[in-house]
Amino acid sequence: MIASRTIHSFLLSQQEGQTLLTAQENPWSVLQVIPTTPADFNRTVAALEERGMVAHHDSDRTFCIIHLASGDHDGKHPERHIAITQDNYKQIIDYLKDTMAQAAVWYKTNIIDPVKY
């Protein structure tokens, strides 16, 4: 992972049996952890990439991360609204990729690794 200008913190929650990570900084992304196995990892990622952006840890092949929502979360947090324009959409995508990559590292470091030891 390359260095980031923003260090994200994440709120871990469960909703309808799914593990969610909510970034506590802009772009306030809600991300879902998708469990998989090393044997199914490539197939799982390929299937998910057909529907959107996917992030994963560099070495752990037991999960990946997908994007569910960002910004004001359908008006629930109007102060977090993100105006997307032709001038800034690439920057917003870069922010989202960075947030998702950090989420993968955060999840491995704070959830997966402590269970192993």
PDB file of N, CA and C in Angstrom:
ATOM      1  N   MET A   1       0.847  -1.175   0.000  1.00  0.00           N
ATOM      2  CA  MET A   1       0.000   0.000   0.000  1.00  0.00           C
ATOM      3  C   MET A   1       0.884   1.227   0.000  1.00  0.00           C
ATOM      4  N   ILE A   2       0.521   2.215  -0.791  1.00  0.00           N
ATOM      5  CA  ILE A   2       1.274   3.461  -0.810  1.00  0.00           C
ATOM      6  C   ILE A   2       0.826   4.343   0.350  1.00  0.00           C
ATOM      7  N   ALA A   3       1.641   5.305   0.708  1.00  0.00           N
ATOM      8  CA  ALA A   3       1.327   6.199   1.824  1.00  0.00           C
ATOM      9  C   ALA A   3       0.103   7.038   1.494  1.00  0.00           C
ATOM     10  N   SER A   4      -0.653   7.347   2.507  1.00  0.00           N
ATOM     11  CA  SER A   4      -1.882   8.108   2.358  1.00  0.00           C
ATOM     12  C   SER A   4      -1.762   9.435   3.085  1.00  0.00           C
ATOM     13  N   ARG A   5      -2.466  10.425   2.588  1.00  0.00           N
ATOM     14  CA  ARG A   5      -2.511  11.716   3.274  1.00  0.00           C
ATOM     15  C   ARG A   5      -3.476  11.688   4.451  1.00  0.00           C
ATOM     16  N   THR A   6      -4.446  10.796   4.420  1.00  0.00           N
ATOM     17  CA  THR A   6      -5.443  10.678   5.480  1.00  0.00           C
ATOM     18  C   THR A   6      -5.324   9.295   6.106  1.00  0.00           C
ATOM     19  N   ILE A   7      -5.278   9.253   7.420  1.00  0.00           N
ATOM     20  CA  ILE A   7      -5.307   7.987   8.133  1.00  0.00           C
ATOM     21  C   ILE A   7      -6.744   7.792   8.595  1.00  0.00           C
ATOM     22  N   HIS A   8      -7.361   6.726   8.138  1.00  0.00           N
ATOM     23  CA  HIS A   8      -8.765   6.483   8.450  1.00  0.00           C
ATOM     24  C   HIS A   8      -8.912   5.620   9.686  1.00  0.00           C
ATOM     25  N   SER A   9      -9.962   5.896  10.424  1.00  0.00           N
ATOM     26  CA  SER A   9     -10.398   5.002  11.491  1.00  0.00           C
ATOM     27  C   SER A   9     -11.739   4.431  11.051  1.00  0.00           C
ATOM     28  N   PHE A  10     -12.052   3.247  11.554  1.00  0.00           N
ATOM     29  CA  PHE A  10     -13.250   2.552  11.100  1.00  0.00           C
ATOM     30  C   PHE A  10     -14.078   2.086  12.283  1.00  0.00           C
ATOM     31  N   LEU A  11     -15.383   2.179  12.121  1.00  0.00           N
ATOM     32  CA  LEU A  11     -16.325   1.643  13.080  1.00  0.00           C
ATOM     33  C   LEU A  11     -16.766   0.287  12.562  1.00  0.00           C
ATOM     34  N   LEU A  12     -16.572  -0.749  13.358  1.00  0.00           N
ATOM     35  CA  LEU A  12     -16.939  -2.114  12.992  1.00  0.00           C
ATOM     36  C   LEU A  12     -18.352  -2.382  13.486  1.00  0.00           C
ATOM     37  N   SER A  13     -19.204  -2.932  12.599  1.00  0.00           N
ATOM     38  CA  SER A  13     -20.568  -3.261  13.010  1.00  0.00           C
ATOM     39  C   SER A  13     -21.060  -4.483  12.239  1.00  0.00           C
ATOM     40  N   GLN A  14     -22.151  -5.035  12.723  1.00  0.00           N
ATOM     41  CA  GLN A  14     -22.826  -6.148  12.071  1.00  0.00           C
ATOM     42  C   GLN A  14     -24.225  -5.671  11.704  1.00  0.00           C
ATOM     43  N   GLN A  15     -24.650  -5.967  10.478  1.00  0.00           N
ATOM     44  CA  GLN A  15     -26.001  -5.631  10.053  1.00  0.00           C
ATOM     45  C   GLN A  15     -26.513  -6.762   9.180  1.00  0.00           C
ATOM     46  N   GLU A  16     -27.622  -7.349   9.583  1.00  0.00           N
ATOM     47  CA  GLU A  16     -28.214  -8.460   8.845  1.00  0.00           C
ATOM     48  C   GLU A  16     -27.182  -9.562   8.576  1.00  0.00           C
ATOM     49  N   GLY A  17     -26.328  -9.830   9.576  1.00  0.00           N
ATOM     50  CA  GLY A  17     -25.335 -10.882   9.461  1.00  0.00           C
ATOM     51  C   GLY A  17     -24.098 -10.521   8.655  1.00  0.00           C
ATOM     52  N   GLN A  18     -24.003  -9.279   8.201  1.00  0.00           N
ATOM     53  CA  GLN A  18     -22.862  -8.842   7.395  1.00  0.00           C
ATOM     54  C   GLN A  18     -21.941  -7.957   8.235  1.00  0.00           C
ATOM     55  N   THR A  19     -20.639  -8.069   8.004  1.00  0.00           N
ATOM     56  CA  THR A  19     -19.664  -7.236   8.699  1.00  0.00           C
ATOM     57  C   THR A  19     -19.449  -5.958   7.896  1.00  0.00           C
ATOM     58  N   LEU A  20     -19.661  -4.824   8.555  1.00  0.00           N
ATOM     59  CA  LEU A  20     -19.505  -3.522   7.910  1.00  0.00           C
ATOM     60  C   LEU A  20     -18.396  -2.733   8.596  1.00  0.00           C
ATOM     61  N   LEU A  21     -17.678  -1.968   7.797  1.00  0.00           N
ATOM     62  CA  LEU A  21     -16.677  -1.022   8.286  1.00  0.00           C
ATOM     63  C   LEU A  21     -17.108   0.355   7.796  1.00  0.00           C
ATOM     64  N   THR A  22     -17.281   1.296   8.717  1.00  0.00           N
ATOM     65  CA  THR A  22     -17.675   2.647   8.350  1.00  0.00           C
ATOM     66  C   THR A  22     -16.521   3.590   8.635  1.00  0.00           C
ATOM     67  N   ALA A  23     -16.014   4.230   7.589  1.00  0.00           N
ATOM     68  CA  ALA A  23     -14.916   5.182   7.746  1.00  0.00           C
ATOM     69  C   ALA A  23     -15.416   6.400   8.513  1.00  0.00           C
ATOM     70  N   GLN A  24     -14.610   6.860   9.436  1.00  0.00           N
ATOM     71  CA  GLN A  24     -14.987   7.990  10.274  1.00  0.00           C
ATOM     72  C   GLN A  24     -14.475   9.330   9.739  1.00  0.00           C
ATOM     73  N   GLU A  25     -13.910   9.300   8.535  1.00  0.00           N
ATOM     74  CA  GLU A  25     -13.406  10.508   7.879  1.00  0.00           C
ATOM     75  C   GLU A  25     -13.901  10.513   6.430  1.00  0.00           C
ATOM     76  N   ASN A  26     -13.787  11.675   5.793  1.00  0.00           N
ATOM     77  CA  ASN A  26     -14.143  11.824   4.389  1.00  0.00           C
ATOM     78  C   ASN A  26     -13.438  10.743   3.576  1.00  0.00           C
ATOM     79  N   PRO A  27     -14.104   9.968   2.763  1.00  0.00           N
ATOM     80  CA  PRO A  27     -15.453  10.116   2.224  1.00  0.00           C
ATOM     81  C   PRO A  27     -16.541   9.386   3.002  1.00  0.00           C
ATOM     82  N   TRP A  28     -16.326   9.074   4.271  1.00  0.00           N
ATOM     83  CA  TRP A  28     -17.326   8.458   5.136  1.00  0.00           C
ATOM     84  C   TRP A  28     -17.944   7.222   4.491  1.00  0.00           C
ATOM     85  N   SER A  29     -17.099   6.355   3.989  1.00  0.00           N
ATOM     86  CA  SER A  29     -17.555   5.168   3.265  1.00  0.00           C
ATOM     87  C   SER A  29     -18.080   4.094   4.203  1.00  0.00           C
ATOM     88  N   VAL A  30     -19.110   3.404   3.745  1.00  0.00           N
ATOM     89  CA  VAL A  30     -19.580   2.186   4.385  1.00  0.00           C
ATOM     90  C   VAL A  30     -19.119   1.052   3.483  1.00  0.00           C
ATOM     91  N   LEU A  31     -18.322   0.164   4.060  1.00  0.00           N
ATOM     92  CA  LEU A  31     -17.707  -0.928   3.309  1.00  0.00           C
ATOM     93  C   LEU A  31     -18.144  -2.258   3.906  1.00  0.00           C
ATOM     94  N   GLN A  32     -18.268  -3.267   3.080  1.00  0.00           N
ATOM     95  CA  GLN A  32     -18.649  -4.589   3.556  1.00  0.00           C
ATOM     96  C   GLN A  32     -17.480  -5.545   3.412  1.00  0.00           C
ATOM     97  N   VAL A  33     -17.254  -6.334   4.452  1.00  0.00           N
ATOM     98  CA  VAL A  33     -16.235  -7.378   4.424  1.00  0.00           C
ATOM     99  C   VAL A  33     -16.883  -8.633   3.836  1.00  0.00           C
ATOM    100  N   ILE A  34     -16.278  -9.157   2.788  1.00  0.00           N
ATOM    101  CA  ILE A  34     -16.773 -10.365   2.139  1.00  0.00           C
ATOM    102  C   ILE A  34     -15.812 -11.504   2.475  1.00  0.00           C
ATOM    103  N   PRO A  35     -16.250 -12.462   3.292  1.00  0.00           N
ATOM    104  CA  PRO A  35     -15.366 -13.592   3.607  1.00  0.00           C
ATOM    105  C   PRO A  35     -15.231 -14.515   2.398  1.00  0.00           C
ATOM    106  N   THR A  36     -14.078 -15.117   2.262  1.00  0.00           N
ATOM    107  CA  THR A  36     -13.832 -16.086   1.204  1.00  0.00           C
ATOM    108  C   THR A  36     -12.763 -17.053   1.698  1.00  0.00           C
ATOM    109  N   THR A  37     -12.332 -17.921   0.845  1.00  0.00           N
ATOM    110  CA  THR A  37     -11.252 -18.842   1.180  1.00  0.00           C
ATOM    111  C   THR A  37     -10.108 -18.595   0.204  1.00  0.00           C
ATOM    112  N   PRO A  38      -8.891 -18.970   0.577  1.00  0.00           N
ATOM    113  CA  PRO A  38      -7.790 -18.817  -0.380  1.00  0.00           C
ATOM    114  C   PRO A  38      -8.067 -19.517  -1.712  1.00  0.00           C
ATOM    115  N   ALA A  39      -8.729 -20.662  -1.667  1.00  0.00           N
ATOM    116  CA  ALA A  39      -9.018 -21.401  -2.902  1.00  0.00           C
ATOM    117  C   ALA A  39     -10.025 -20.665  -3.793  1.00  0.00           C
ATOM    118  N   ASP A  40     -10.969 -19.949  -3.189  1.00  0.00           N
ATOM    119  CA  ASP A  40     -12.006 -19.238  -3.939  1.00  0.00           C
ATOM    120  C   ASP A  40     -11.715 -17.747  -4.128  1.00  0.00           C
ATOM    121  N   PHE A  41     -10.603 -17.272  -3.588  1.00  0.00           N
ATOM    122  CA  PHE A  41     -10.324 -15.841  -3.558  1.00  0.00           C
ATOM    123  C   PHE A  41     -10.384 -15.189  -4.943  1.00  0.00           C
ATOM    124  N   ASN A  42      -9.644 -15.706  -5.899  1.00  0.00           N
ATOM    125  CA  ASN A  42      -9.601 -15.074  -7.230  1.00  0.00           C
ATOM    126  C   ASN A  42     -10.970 -15.053  -7.886  1.00  0.00           C
ATOM    127  N   ARG A  43     -11.711 -16.127  -7.754  1.00  0.00           N
ATOM    128  CA  ARG A  43     -13.058 -16.194  -8.337  1.00  0.00           C
ATOM    129  C   ARG A  43     -14.002 -15.199  -7.644  1.00  0.00           C
ATOM    130  N   THR A  44     -13.911 -15.106  -6.320  1.00  0.00           N
ATOM    131  CA  THR A  44     -14.747 -14.175  -5.570  1.00  0.00           C
ATOM    132  C   THR A  44     -14.453 -12.735  -5.977  1.00  0.00           C
ATOM    133  N   VAL A  45     -13.174 -12.371  -6.012  1.00  0.00           N
ATOM    134  CA  VAL A  45     -12.794 -11.001  -6.386  1.00  0.00           C
ATOM    135  C   VAL A  45     -13.251 -10.688  -7.807  1.00  0.00           C
ATOM    136  N   ALA A  46     -13.056 -11.609  -8.728  1.00  0.00           N
ATOM    137  CA  ALA A  46     -13.463 -11.380 -10.125  1.00  0.00           C
ATOM    138  C   ALA A  46     -14.966 -11.148 -10.222  1.00  0.00           C
ATOM    139  N   ALA A  47     -15.748 -11.932  -9.509  1.00  0.00           N
ATOM    140  CA  ALA A  47     -17.203 -11.761  -9.536  1.00  0.00           C
ATOM    141  C   ALA A  47     -17.616 -10.417  -8.950  1.00  0.00           C
ATOM    142  N   LEU A  48     -16.987 -10.028  -7.855  1.00  0.00           N
ATOM    143  CA  LEU A  48     -17.319  -8.748  -7.222  1.00  0.00           C
ATOM    144  C   LEU A  48     -16.868  -7.562  -8.072  1.00  0.00           C
ATOM    145  N   GLU A  49     -15.739  -7.685  -8.746  1.00  0.00           N
ATOM    146  CA  GLU A  49     -15.250  -6.590  -9.591  1.00  0.00           C
ATOM    147  C   GLU A  49     -16.173  -6.312 -10.773  1.00  0.00           C
ATOM    148  N   GLU A  50     -16.995  -7.276 -11.161  1.00  0.00           N
ATOM    149  CA  GLU A  50     -17.975  -7.036 -12.217  1.00  0.00           C
ATOM    150  C   GLU A  50     -19.040  -6.046 -11.773  1.00  0.00           C
ATOM    151  N   ARG A  51     -19.213  -5.901 -10.466  1.00  0.00           N
ATOM    152  CA  ARG A  51     -20.254  -5.024  -9.924  1.00  0.00           C
ATOM    153  C   ARG A  51     -19.723  -3.729  -9.321  1.00  0.00           C
ATOM    154  N   GLY A  52     -18.410  -3.648  -9.081  1.00  0.00           N
ATOM    155  CA  GLY A  52     -17.886  -2.433  -8.470  1.00  0.00           C
ATOM    156  C   GLY A  52     -16.450  -2.598  -8.019  1.00  0.00           C
ATOM    157  N   MET A  53     -16.023  -1.671  -7.191  1.00  0.00           N
ATOM    158  CA  MET A  53     -14.641  -1.663  -6.713  1.00  0.00           C
ATOM    159  C   MET A  53     -14.463  -2.669  -5.579  1.00  0.00           C
ATOM    160  N   VAL A  54     -13.300  -3.322  -5.594  1.00  0.00           N
ATOM    161  CA  VAL A  54     -12.964  -4.326  -4.589  1.00  0.00           C
ATOM    162  C   VAL A  54     -11.556  -4.041  -4.082  1.00  0.00           C
ATOM    163  N   ALA A  55     -11.379  -4.141  -2.777  1.00  0.00           N
ATOM    164  CA  ALA A  55     -10.043  -4.010  -2.186  1.00  0.00           C
ATOM    165  C   ALA A  55      -9.740  -5.302  -1.433  1.00  0.00           C
ATOM    166  N   HIS A  56      -8.450  -5.590  -1.284  1.00  0.00           N
ATOM    167  CA  HIS A  56      -8.050  -6.761  -0.518  1.00  0.00           C
ATOM    168  C   HIS A  56      -6.669  -6.510   0.071  1.00  0.00           C
ATOM    169  N   HIS A  57      -6.345  -7.302   1.050  1.00  0.00           N
ATOM    170  CA  HIS A  57      -5.039  -7.225   1.705  1.00  0.00           C
ATOM    171  C   HIS A  57      -3.992  -7.843   0.784  1.00  0.00           C
ATOM    172  N   ASP A  58      -2.757  -7.380   0.891  1.00  0.00           N
ATOM    173  CA  ASP A  58      -1.686  -7.886   0.034  1.00  0.00           C
ATOM    174  C   ASP A  58      -1.404  -9.375   0.224  1.00  0.00           C
ATOM    175  N   SER A  59      -1.583  -9.872   1.449  1.00  0.00           N
ATOM    176  CA  SER A  59      -1.210 -11.269   1.687  1.00  0.00           C
ATOM    177  C   SER A  59      -2.343 -12.150   2.199  1.00  0.00           C
ATOM    178  N   ASP A  60      -3.369 -11.578   2.782  1.00  0.00           N
ATOM    179  CA  ASP A  60      -4.460 -12.383   3.340  1.00  0.00           C
ATOM    180  C   ASP A  60      -5.514 -12.632   2.265  1.00  0.00           C
ATOM    181  N   ARG A  61      -5.835 -13.878   2.032  1.00  0.00           N
ATOM    182  CA  ARG A  61      -6.803 -14.252   0.993  1.00  0.00           C
ATOM    183  C   ARG A  61      -8.079 -14.845   1.587  1.00  0.00           C
ATOM    184  N   THR A  62      -8.435 -14.385   2.807  1.00  0.00           N
ATOM    185  CA  THR A  62      -9.640 -14.893   3.459  1.00  0.00           C
ATOM    186  C   THR A  62     -10.788 -13.891   3.452  1.00  0.00           C
ATOM    187  N   PHE A  63     -10.572 -12.700   2.868  1.00  0.00           N
ATOM    188  CA  PHE A  63     -11.626 -11.692   2.805  1.00  0.00           C
ATOM    189  C   PHE A  63     -11.275 -10.662   1.740  1.00  0.00           C
ATOM    190  N   CYS A  64     -12.283  -9.932   1.332  1.00  0.00           N
ATOM    191  CA  CYS A  64     -12.080  -8.739   0.514  1.00  0.00           C
ATOM    192  C   CYS A  64     -13.103  -7.700   0.962  1.00  0.00           C
ATOM    193  N   ILE A  65     -12.980  -6.502   0.437  1.00  0.00           N
ATOM    194  CA  ILE A  65     -13.796  -5.360   0.860  1.00  0.00           C
ATOM    195  C   ILE A  65     -14.521  -4.799  -0.359  1.00  0.00           C
ATOM    196  N   ILE A  66     -15.836  -4.549  -0.201  1.00  0.00           N
ATOM    197  CA  ILE A  66     -16.583  -3.877  -1.264  1.00  0.00           C
ATOM    198  C   ILE A  66     -17.189  -2.579  -0.726  1.00  0.00           C
ATOM    199  N   HIS A  67     -17.463  -1.670  -1.622  1.00  0.00           N
ATOM    200  CA  HIS A  67     -18.028  -0.361  -1.284  1.00  0.00           C
ATOM    201  C   HIS A  67     -19.550  -0.440  -1.333  1.00  0.00           C
ATOM    202  N   LEU A  68     -20.217   0.034  -0.271  1.00  0.00           N
ATOM    203  CA  LEU A  68     -21.675   0.080  -0.257  1.00  0.00           C
ATOM    204  C   LEU A  68     -22.202   1.504  -0.437  1.00  0.00           C
ATOM    205  N   ALA A  69     -21.600   2.466   0.269  1.00  0.00           N
ATOM    206  CA  ALA A  69     -22.075   3.846   0.209  1.00  0.00           C
ATOM    207  C   ALA A  69     -20.987   4.777   0.719  1.00  0.00           C
ATOM    208  N   SER A  70     -21.089   6.041   0.341  1.00  0.00           N
ATOM    209  CA  SER A  70     -20.201   7.084   0.858  1.00  0.00           C
ATOM    210  C   SER A  70     -20.981   8.381   0.964  1.00  0.00           C
ATOM    211  N   GLY A  71     -20.371   9.349   1.631  1.00  0.00           N
ATOM    212  CA  GLY A  71     -20.981  10.670   1.702  1.00  0.00           C
ATOM    213  C   GLY A  71     -22.096  10.749   2.715  1.00  0.00           C
ATOM    214  N   ASP A  72     -23.229  11.312   2.288  1.00  0.00           N
ATOM    215  CA  ASP A  72     -24.318  11.597   3.225  1.00  0.00           C
ATOM    216  C   ASP A  72     -25.229  10.403   3.505  1.00  0.00           C
ATOM    217  N   HIS A  73     -24.951   9.257   2.899  1.00  0.00           N
ATOM    218  CA  HIS A  73     -25.706   8.013   3.125  1.00  0.00           C
ATOM    219  C   HIS A  73     -27.198   8.240   2.910  1.00  0.00           C
ATOM    220  N   ASP A  74     -27.521   8.653   1.682  1.00  0.00           N
ATOM    221  CA  ASP A  74     -28.911   8.905   1.274  1.00  0.00           C
ATOM    222  C   ASP A  74     -29.598   9.943   2.156  1.00  0.00           C
ATOM    223  N   GLY A  75     -28.882  10.997   2.486  1.00  0.00           N
ATOM    224  CA  GLY A  75     -29.464  12.110   3.227  1.00  0.00           C
ATOM    225  C   GLY A  75     -29.455  11.968   4.734  1.00  0.00           C
ATOM    226  N   LYS A  76     -28.968  10.859   5.270  1.00  0.00           N
ATOM    227  CA  LYS A  76     -28.943  10.669   6.721  1.00  0.00           C
ATOM    228  C   LYS A  76     -27.959  11.621   7.399  1.00  0.00           C
ATOM    229  N   HIS A  77     -26.910  12.010   6.678  1.00  0.00           N
ATOM    230  CA  HIS A  77     -25.894  12.916   7.214  1.00  0.00           C
ATOM    231  C   HIS A  77     -25.650  14.021   6.181  1.00  0.00           C
ATOM    232  N   PRO A  78     -26.544  14.987   6.079  1.00  0.00           N
ATOM    233  CA  PRO A  78     -26.398  16.010   5.023  1.00  0.00           C
ATOM    234  C   PRO A  78     -25.092  16.793   5.102  1.00  0.00           C
ATOM    235  N   GLU A  79     -24.499  16.881   6.283  1.00  0.00           N
ATOM    236  CA  GLU A  79     -23.230  17.595   6.422  1.00  0.00           C
ATOM    237  C   GLU A  79     -22.086  16.858   5.739  1.00  0.00           C
ATOM    238  N   ARG A  80     -22.293  15.615   5.361  1.00  0.00           N
ATOM    239  CA  ARG A  80     -21.266  14.804   4.704  1.00  0.00           C
ATOM    240  C   ARG A  80     -21.476  14.697   3.187  1.00  0.00           C
ATOM    241  N   HIS A  81     -22.364  15.487   2.652  1.00  0.00           N
ATOM    242  CA  HIS A  81     -22.649  15.419   1.213  1.00  0.00           C
ATOM    243  C   HIS A  81     -21.374  15.655   0.400  1.00  0.00           C
ATOM    244  N   ILE A  82     -21.192  14.859  -0.629  1.00  0.00           N
ATOM    245  CA  ILE A  82     -20.036  14.986  -1.519  1.00  0.00           C
ATOM    246  C   ILE A  82     -20.560  15.359  -2.905  1.00  0.00           C
ATOM    247  N   ALA A  83     -20.212  16.535  -3.354  1.00  0.00           N
ATOM    248  CA  ALA A  83     -20.602  16.965  -4.695  1.00  0.00           C
ATOM    249  C   ALA A  83     -19.593  16.402  -5.695  1.00  0.00           C
ATOM    250  N   ILE A  84     -20.071  15.564  -6.592  1.00  0.00           N
ATOM    251  CA  ILE A  84     -19.204  14.957  -7.597  1.00  0.00           C
ATOM    252  C   ILE A  84     -19.417  15.686  -8.908  1.00  0.00           C
ATOM    253  N   THR A  85     -18.298  16.167  -9.478  1.00  0.00           N
ATOM    254  CA  THR A  85     -18.350  16.911 -10.740  1.00  0.00           C
ATOM    255  C   THR A  85     -17.359  16.305 -11.725  1.00  0.00           C
ATOM    256  N   GLN A  86     -17.399  16.811 -12.940  1.00  0.00           N
ATOM    257  CA  GLN A  86     -16.418  16.358 -13.932  1.00  0.00           C
ATOM    258  C   GLN A  86     -15.005  16.763 -13.536  1.00  0.00           C
ATOM    259  N   ASP A  87     -14.873  17.806 -12.736  1.00  0.00           N
ATOM    260  CA  ASP A  87     -13.556  18.277 -12.324  1.00  0.00           C
ATOM    261  C   ASP A  87     -12.958  17.476 -11.164  1.00  0.00           C
ATOM    262  N   ASN A  88     -13.802  16.829 -10.336  1.00  0.00           N
ATOM    263  CA  ASN A  88     -13.259  16.180  -9.138  1.00  0.00           C
ATOM    264  C   ASN A  88     -13.509  14.677  -9.048  1.00  0.00           C
ATOM    265  N   TYR A  89     -14.176  14.084 -10.025  1.00  0.00           N
ATOM    266  CA  TYR A  89     -14.548  12.677  -9.879  1.00  0.00           C
ATOM    267  C   TYR A  89     -13.340  11.753  -9.750  1.00  0.00           C
ATOM    268  N   LYS A  90     -12.237  12.047 -10.438  1.00  0.00           N
ATOM    269  CA  LYS A  90     -11.053  11.189 -10.329  1.00  0.00           C
ATOM    270  C   LYS A  90     -10.452  11.266  -8.924  1.00  0.00           C
ATOM    271  N   GLN A  91     -10.446  12.459  -8.351  1.00  0.00           N
ATOM    272  CA  GLN A  91      -9.933  12.622  -6.995  1.00  0.00           C
ATOM    273  C   GLN A  91     -10.814  11.859  -5.998  1.00  0.00           C
ATOM    274  N   ILE A  92     -12.106  11.906  -6.187  1.00  0.00           N
ATOM    275  CA  ILE A  92     -13.016  11.186  -5.289  1.00  0.00           C
ATOM    276  C   ILE A  92     -12.812   9.680  -5.414  1.00  0.00           C
ATOM    277  N   ILE A  93     -12.628   9.179  -6.616  1.00  0.00           N
ATOM    278  CA  ILE A  93     -12.348   7.751  -6.808  1.00  0.00           C
ATOM    279  C   ILE A  93     -11.038   7.375  -6.122  1.00  0.00           C
ATOM    280  N   ASP A  94     -10.028   8.232  -6.235  1.00  0.00           N
ATOM    281  CA  ASP A  94      -8.753   7.967  -5.554  1.00  0.00           C
ATOM    282  C   ASP A  94      -8.944   7.929  -4.040  1.00  0.00           C
ATOM    283  N   TYR A  95      -9.744   8.860  -3.479  1.00  0.00           N
ATOM    284  CA  TYR A  95     -10.036   8.844  -2.038  1.00  0.00           C
ATOM    285  C   TYR A  95     -10.705   7.532  -1.647  1.00  0.00           C
ATOM    286  N   LEU A  96     -11.656   7.109  -2.467  1.00  0.00           N
ATOM    287  CA  LEU A  96     -12.378   5.876  -2.173  1.00  0.00           C
ATOM    288  C   LEU A  96     -11.448   4.665  -2.218  1.00  0.00           C
ATOM    289  N   LYS A  97     -10.606   4.594  -3.234  1.00  0.00           N
ATOM    290  CA  LYS A  97      -9.643   3.482  -3.319  1.00  0.00           C
ATOM    291  C   LYS A  97      -8.725   3.463  -2.108  1.00  0.00           C
ATOM    292  N   ASP A  98      -8.261   4.638  -1.698  1.00  0.00           N
ATOM    293  CA  ASP A  98      -7.389   4.738  -0.536  1.00  0.00           C
ATOM    294  C   ASP A  98      -8.109   4.274   0.723  1.00  0.00           C
ATOM    295  N   THR A  99      -9.343   4.707   0.908  1.00  0.00           N
ATOM    296  CA  THR A  99     -10.127   4.309   2.076  1.00  0.00           C
ATOM    297  C   THR A  99     -10.326   2.798   2.102  1.00  0.00           C
ATOM    298  N   MET A 100     -10.645   2.222   0.950  1.00  0.00           N
ATOM    299  CA  MET A 100     -10.868   0.781   0.880  1.00  0.00           C
ATOM    300  C   MET A 100      -9.582  -0.003   1.154  1.00  0.00           C
ATOM    301  N   ALA A 101      -8.476   0.467   0.619  1.00  0.00           N
ATOM    302  CA  ALA A 101      -7.194  -0.204   0.872  1.00  0.00           C
ATOM    303  C   ALA A 101      -6.844  -0.147   2.354  1.00  0.00           C
ATOM    304  N   GLN A 102      -7.061   1.007   2.971  1.00  0.00           N
ATOM    305  CA  GLN A 102      -6.799   1.119   4.403  1.00  0.00           C
ATOM    306  C   GLN A 102      -7.732   0.219   5.204  1.00  0.00           C
ATOM    307  N   ALA A 103      -8.966   0.077   4.763  1.00  0.00           N
ATOM    308  CA  ALA A 103      -9.915  -0.796   5.455  1.00  0.00           C
ATOM    309  C   ALA A 103      -9.433  -2.246   5.439  1.00  0.00           C
ATOM    310  N   ALA A 104      -8.879  -2.677   4.315  1.00  0.00           N
ATOM    311  CA  ALA A 104      -8.367  -4.048   4.231  1.00  0.00           C
ATOM    312  C   ALA A 104      -7.219  -4.261   5.215  1.00  0.00           C
ATOM    313  N   VAL A 105      -6.314  -3.308   5.291  1.00  0.00           N
ATOM    314  CA  VAL A 105      -5.193  -3.404   6.237  1.00  0.00           C
ATOM    315  C   VAL A 105      -5.712  -3.329   7.671  1.00  0.00           C
ATOM    316  N   TRP A 106      -6.627  -2.410   7.935  1.00  0.00           N
ATOM    317  CA  TRP A 106      -7.202  -2.255   9.275  1.00  0.00           C
ATOM    318  C   TRP A 106      -7.877  -3.549   9.726  1.00  0.00           C
ATOM    319  N   TYR A 107      -8.690  -4.138   8.847  1.00  0.00           N
ATOM    320  CA  TYR A 107      -9.419  -5.361   9.196  1.00  0.00           C
ATOM    321  C   TYR A 107      -8.452  -6.510   9.490  1.00  0.00           C
ATOM    322  N   LYS A 108      -7.448  -6.672   8.667  1.00  0.00           N
ATOM    323  CA  LYS A 108      -6.456  -7.737   8.902  1.00  0.00           C
ATOM    324  C   LYS A 108      -5.726  -7.507  10.219  1.00  0.00           C
ATOM    325  N   THR A 109      -5.284  -6.289  10.456  1.00  0.00           N
ATOM    326  CA  THR A 109      -4.491  -5.966  11.642  1.00  0.00           C
ATOM    327  C   THR A 109      -5.311  -6.024  12.930  1.00  0.00           C
ATOM    328  N   ASN A 110      -6.539  -5.532  12.902  1.00  0.00           N
ATOM    329  CA  ASN A 110      -7.330  -5.391  14.121  1.00  0.00           C
ATOM    330  C   ASN A 110      -8.344  -6.498  14.377  1.00  0.00           C
ATOM    331  N   ILE A 111      -8.706  -7.253  13.356  1.00  0.00           N
ATOM    332  CA  ILE A 111      -9.705  -8.291  13.532  1.00  0.00           C
ATOM    333  C   ILE A 111      -9.125  -9.681  13.261  1.00  0.00           C
ATOM    334  N   ILE A 112      -8.508  -9.875  12.114  1.00  0.00           N
ATOM    335  CA  ILE A 112      -7.992 -11.202  11.754  1.00  0.00           C
ATOM    336  C   ILE A 112      -6.796 -11.596  12.614  1.00  0.00           C
ATOM    337  N   ASP A 113      -5.761 -10.742  12.662  1.00  0.00           N
ATOM    338  CA  ASP A 113      -4.528 -11.094  13.368  1.00  0.00           C
ATOM    339  C   ASP A 113      -4.741 -11.380  14.862  1.00  0.00           C
ATOM    340  N   PRO A 114      -5.511 -10.563  15.605  1.00  0.00           N
ATOM    341  CA  PRO A 114      -5.671 -10.873  17.025  1.00  0.00           C
ATOM    342  C   PRO A 114      -6.339 -12.234  17.273  1.00  0.00           C
ATOM    343  N   VAL A 115      -7.180 -12.681  16.371  1.00  0.00           N
ATOM    344  CA  VAL A 115      -7.836 -13.983  16.544  1.00  0.00           C
ATOM    345  C   VAL A 115      -6.829 -15.119  16.371  1.00  0.00           C
ATOM    346  N   LYS A 116      -5.825 -14.919  15.521  1.00  0.00           N
ATOM    347  CA  LYS A 116      -4.831 -15.952  15.266  1.00  0.00           C
ATOM    348  C   LYS A 116      -3.902 -16.180  16.453  1.00  0.00           C
ATOM    349  N   TYR A 117      -3.747 -15.169  17.315  1.00  0.00           N
ATOM    350  CA  TYR A 117      -2.767 -15.275  18.401  1.00  0.00           C
ATOM    351  C   TYR A 117      -3.413 -15.377  19.750  1.00  0.00           C
TER     352      TYR A 117
END
